[in-house]
Amino acid sequence: MRKALALALTLFLLLSWLGGVAAQPITVRKSVLRTTAVSPRSEARTSITVTLFFDAEGIVSFTDRLAYALCGEITATTPPSYVACPRDLLRVTWLGYNASPGEALRYTVPGLNLLYVDVELYTEEP
């Protein structure tokens, strides 16, 4: 019985080590687009759209961090597993995301207004 347990433990440790050696890094490109909508006599609204591009295929778990974002409604092409906002830093986590090259993971959240814009419209009377 001890030999079987020792063999099972050795096999588990060996497979764990080989799995770590065989793992290949995945490059992720991140694009952040901040859009501010301004209309007369109303407050500006900012939305942040983040797009993540993966260069390889695989099942990955990761957390994306985004500054100057508000904790609010998040829309995503694949719903996140977890969303948190500690110390004014949005953290969006996906567990077991199926990444593939050429496909983008995109999410949008409300953001802080970093641009002050004052819009006034004037019309000419005939």
C-alpha atoms as a PDB file:
ATOM      1  CA  MET A   1       0.000   0.000   0.000  1.00  0.00           C
ATOM      2  CA  ARG A   2       2.831   2.411   0.852  1.00  0.00           C
ATOM      3  CA  LYS A   3       4.543   1.680  -2.450  1.00  0.00           C
ATOM      4  CA  ALA A   4       1.333   2.460  -4.345  1.00  0.00           C
ATOM      5  CA  LEU A   5       0.890   5.757  -2.476  1.00  0.00           C
ATOM      6  CA  ALA A   6       4.541   6.680  -3.007  1.00  0.00           C
ATOM      7  CA  LEU A   7       4.255   5.835  -6.718  1.00  0.00           C
ATOM      8  CA  ALA A   8       1.039   7.862  -7.050  1.00  0.00           C
ATOM      9  CA  LEU A   9       2.596  10.849  -5.274  1.00  0.00           C
ATOM     10  CA  THR A  10       5.752  10.635  -7.390  1.00  0.00           C
ATOM     11  CA  LEU A  11       3.707  10.384 -10.576  1.00  0.00           C
ATOM     12  CA  PHE A  12       1.565  13.365  -9.539  1.00  0.00           C
ATOM     13  CA  LEU A  13       4.609  15.509  -8.760  1.00  0.00           C
ATOM     14  CA  LEU A  14       6.298  14.502 -12.016  1.00  0.00           C
ATOM     15  CA  LEU A  15       3.209  15.318 -14.089  1.00  0.00           C
ATOM     16  CA  SER A  16       2.785  18.636 -12.275  1.00  0.00           C
ATOM     17  CA  TRP A  17       6.402  19.529 -13.011  1.00  0.00           C
ATOM     18  CA  LEU A  18       6.142  18.461 -16.665  1.00  0.00           C
ATOM     19  CA  GLY A  19       2.909  20.414 -17.066  1.00  0.00           C
ATOM     20  CA  GLY A  20       4.660  23.553 -15.842  1.00  0.00           C
ATOM     21  CA  VAL A  21       7.583  22.983 -18.199  1.00  0.00           C
ATOM     22  CA  ALA A  22       5.305  22.359 -21.194  1.00  0.00           C
ATOM     23  CA  ALA A  23       3.239  25.501 -20.615  1.00  0.00           C
ATOM     24  CA  GLN A  24       3.902  28.148 -23.237  1.00  0.00           C
ATOM     25  CA  PRO A  25       3.526  31.871 -22.566  1.00  0.00           C
ATOM     26  CA  ILE A  26       0.649  33.633 -24.292  1.00  0.00           C
ATOM     27  CA  THR A  27       1.072  37.189 -25.519  1.00  0.00           C
ATOM     28  CA  VAL A  28      -1.900  39.466 -24.897  1.00  0.00           C
ATOM     29  CA  ARG A  29      -2.354  42.831 -26.625  1.00  0.00           C
ATOM     30  CA  LYS A  30      -4.596  45.322 -24.837  1.00  0.00           C
ATOM     31  CA  SER A  31      -6.400  48.247 -26.441  1.00  0.00           C
ATOM     32  CA  VAL A  32      -8.212  50.859 -24.318  1.00  0.00           C
ATOM     33  CA  LEU A  33     -10.629  53.331 -25.908  1.00  0.00           C
ATOM     34  CA  ARG A  34     -12.166  56.078 -23.758  1.00  0.00           C
ATOM     35  CA  THR A  35     -15.246  57.750 -25.272  1.00  0.00           C
ATOM     36  CA  THR A  36     -16.830  60.847 -23.747  1.00  0.00           C
ATOM     37  CA  ALA A  37     -20.309  61.877 -24.889  1.00  0.00           C
ATOM     38  CA  VAL A  38     -21.177  65.532 -24.331  1.00  0.00           C
ATOM     39  CA  SER A  39     -24.508  67.217 -24.933  1.00  0.00           C
ATOM     40  CA  PRO A  40     -25.617  70.776 -24.119  1.00  0.00           C
ATOM     41  CA  ARG A  41     -26.602  71.452 -20.509  1.00  0.00           C
ATOM     42  CA  SER A  42     -25.905  67.932 -19.362  1.00  0.00           C
ATOM     43  CA  GLU A  43     -23.026  66.167 -17.738  1.00  0.00           C
ATOM     44  CA  ALA A  44     -20.457  64.380 -19.885  1.00  0.00           C
ATOM     45  CA  ARG A  45     -20.567  60.582 -19.812  1.00  0.00           C
ATOM     46  CA  THR A  46     -17.461  58.494 -20.345  1.00  0.00           C
ATOM     47  CA  SER A  47     -17.348  54.846 -21.308  1.00  0.00           C
ATOM     48  CA  ILE A  48     -14.217  52.731 -21.509  1.00  0.00           C
ATOM     49  CA  THR A  49     -13.956  49.866 -23.983  1.00  0.00           C
ATOM     50  CA  VAL A  50     -11.127  47.396 -23.445  1.00  0.00           C
ATOM     51  CA  THR A  51     -10.198  44.872 -26.115  1.00  0.00           C
ATOM     52  CA  LEU A  52      -7.846  41.972 -25.394  1.00  0.00           C
ATOM     53  CA  PHE A  53      -6.226  40.004 -28.235  1.00  0.00           C
ATOM     54  CA  PHE A  54      -4.550  36.652 -27.534  1.00  0.00           C
ATOM     55  CA  ASP A  55      -1.805  35.282 -29.810  1.00  0.00           C
ATOM     56  CA  ALA A  56      -2.240  31.598 -28.936  1.00  0.00           C
ATOM     57  CA  GLU A  57      -4.910  29.069 -28.129  1.00  0.00           C
ATOM     58  CA  GLY A  58      -5.521  27.770 -24.645  1.00  0.00           C
ATOM     59  CA  ILE A  59      -7.632  27.802 -21.515  1.00  0.00           C
ATOM     60  CA  VAL A  60      -6.460  30.755 -19.412  1.00  0.00           C
ATOM     61  CA  SER A  61      -7.434  32.422 -16.154  1.00  0.00           C
ATOM     62  CA  PHE A  62      -6.450  36.057 -15.721  1.00  0.00           C
ATOM     63  CA  THR A  63      -7.338  39.409 -14.162  1.00  0.00           C
ATOM     64  CA  ASP A  64      -7.350  42.665 -16.112  1.00  0.00           C
ATOM     65  CA  ARG A  65      -6.853  45.905 -14.169  1.00  0.00           C
ATOM     66  CA  LEU A  66      -8.194  49.257 -15.319  1.00  0.00           C
ATOM     67  CA  ALA A  67      -7.640  52.682 -13.744  1.00  0.00           C
ATOM     68  CA  TYR A  68     -10.129  55.574 -13.852  1.00  0.00           C
ATOM     69  CA  ALA A  69     -13.064  53.206 -14.267  1.00  0.00           C
ATOM     70  CA  LEU A  70     -16.263  53.228 -12.233  1.00  0.00           C
ATOM     71  CA  CYS A  71     -17.679  50.162 -10.579  1.00  0.00           C
ATOM     72  CA  GLY A  72     -20.914  49.770 -12.436  1.00  0.00           C
ATOM     73  CA  GLU A  73     -22.540  47.783 -15.158  1.00  0.00           C
ATOM     74  CA  ILE A  74     -20.043  45.852 -17.246  1.00  0.00           C
ATOM     75  CA  THR A  75     -20.873  44.441 -20.665  1.00  0.00           C
ATOM     76  CA  ALA A  76     -18.541  41.855 -22.159  1.00  0.00           C
ATOM     77  CA  THR A  77     -18.376  39.467 -25.099  1.00  0.00           C
ATOM     78  CA  THR A  78     -17.745  36.732 -22.515  1.00  0.00           C
ATOM     79  CA  PRO A  79     -19.132  37.501 -19.050  1.00  0.00           C
ATOM     80  CA  PRO A  80     -16.399  37.797 -16.408  1.00  0.00           C
ATOM     81  CA  SER A  81     -16.209  35.415 -13.472  1.00  0.00           C
ATOM     82  CA  TYR A  82     -15.565  38.171 -10.944  1.00  0.00           C
ATOM     83  CA  VAL A  83     -15.517  41.989 -10.822  1.00  0.00           C
ATOM     84  CA  ALA A  84     -14.078  44.079  -7.967  1.00  0.00           C
ATOM     85  CA  CYS A  85     -13.118  47.725  -7.383  1.00  0.00           C
ATOM     86  CA  PRO A  86     -10.596  47.965  -4.553  1.00  0.00           C
ATOM     87  CA  ARG A  87      -8.918  51.367  -4.095  1.00  0.00           C
ATOM     88  CA  ASP A  88     -10.411  52.875  -7.283  1.00  0.00           C
ATOM     89  CA  LEU A  89      -8.897  50.205  -9.526  1.00  0.00           C
ATOM     90  CA  LEU A  90     -11.312  48.026 -11.494  1.00  0.00           C
ATOM     91  CA  ARG A  91     -10.321  44.355 -11.547  1.00  0.00           C
ATOM     92  CA  VAL A  92     -12.116  42.053 -13.979  1.00  0.00           C
ATOM     93  CA  THR A  93     -11.352  38.326 -13.708  1.00  0.00           C
ATOM     94  CA  TRP A  94     -12.035  35.476 -16.111  1.00  0.00           C
ATOM     95  CA  LEU A  95     -11.534  31.895 -14.943  1.00  0.00           C
ATOM     96  CA  GLY A  96     -11.094  29.197 -17.581  1.00  0.00           C
ATOM     97  CA  TYR A  97     -11.442  31.532 -20.576  1.00  0.00           C
ATOM     98  CA  ASN A  98     -11.005  29.736 -23.904  1.00  0.00           C
ATOM     99  CA  ALA A  99      -8.530  31.999 -25.718  1.00  0.00           C
ATOM    100  CA  SER A 100      -7.916  31.601 -29.422  1.00  0.00           C
ATOM    101  CA  PRO A 101      -5.839  33.649 -31.856  1.00  0.00           C
ATOM    102  CA  GLY A 102      -7.739  36.137 -33.970  1.00  0.00           C
ATOM    103  CA  GLU A 103     -10.644  36.446 -31.537  1.00  0.00           C
ATOM    104  CA  ALA A 104     -11.009  39.436 -29.250  1.00  0.00           C
ATOM    105  CA  LEU A 105     -12.362  39.624 -25.729  1.00  0.00           C
ATOM    106  CA  ARG A 106     -14.052  43.000 -25.335  1.00  0.00           C
ATOM    107  CA  TYR A 107     -15.674  44.655 -22.333  1.00  0.00           C
ATOM    108  CA  THR A 108     -17.133  48.100 -21.660  1.00  0.00           C
ATOM    109  CA  VAL A 109     -17.500  49.905 -18.331  1.00  0.00           C
ATOM    110  CA  PRO A 110     -18.419  53.446 -17.249  1.00  0.00           C
ATOM    111  CA  GLY A 111     -15.412  55.649 -16.581  1.00  0.00           C
ATOM    112  CA  LEU A 112     -14.373  58.830 -14.839  1.00  0.00           C
ATOM    113  CA  ASN A 113     -14.503  62.004 -16.911  1.00  0.00           C
ATOM    114  CA  LEU A 114     -10.915  63.067 -17.532  1.00  0.00           C
ATOM    115  CA  LEU A 115     -11.828  65.801 -19.986  1.00  0.00           C
ATOM    116  CA  TYR A 116     -13.723  68.977 -19.171  1.00  0.00           C
ATOM    117  CA  VAL A 117     -15.908  70.091 -22.050  1.00  0.00           C
ATOM    118  CA  ASP A 118     -18.463  72.899 -22.001  1.00  0.00           C
ATOM    119  CA  VAL A 119     -20.816  72.896 -24.974  1.00  0.00           C
ATOM    120  CA  GLU A 120     -22.982  75.881 -25.826  1.00  0.00           C
ATOM    121  CA  LEU A 121     -25.200  76.038 -28.869  1.00  0.00           C
ATOM    122  CA  TYR A 122     -26.311  79.298 -30.436  1.00  0.00           C
ATOM    123  CA  THR A 123     -28.895  79.740 -33.132  1.00  0.00           C
ATOM    124  CA  GLU A 124     -29.556  82.679 -35.347  1.00  0.00           C
ATOM    125  CA  GLU A 125     -33.068  83.939 -35.554  1.00  0.00           C
ATOM    126  CA  PRO A 126     -34.332  84.776 -39.054  1.00  0.00           C
END
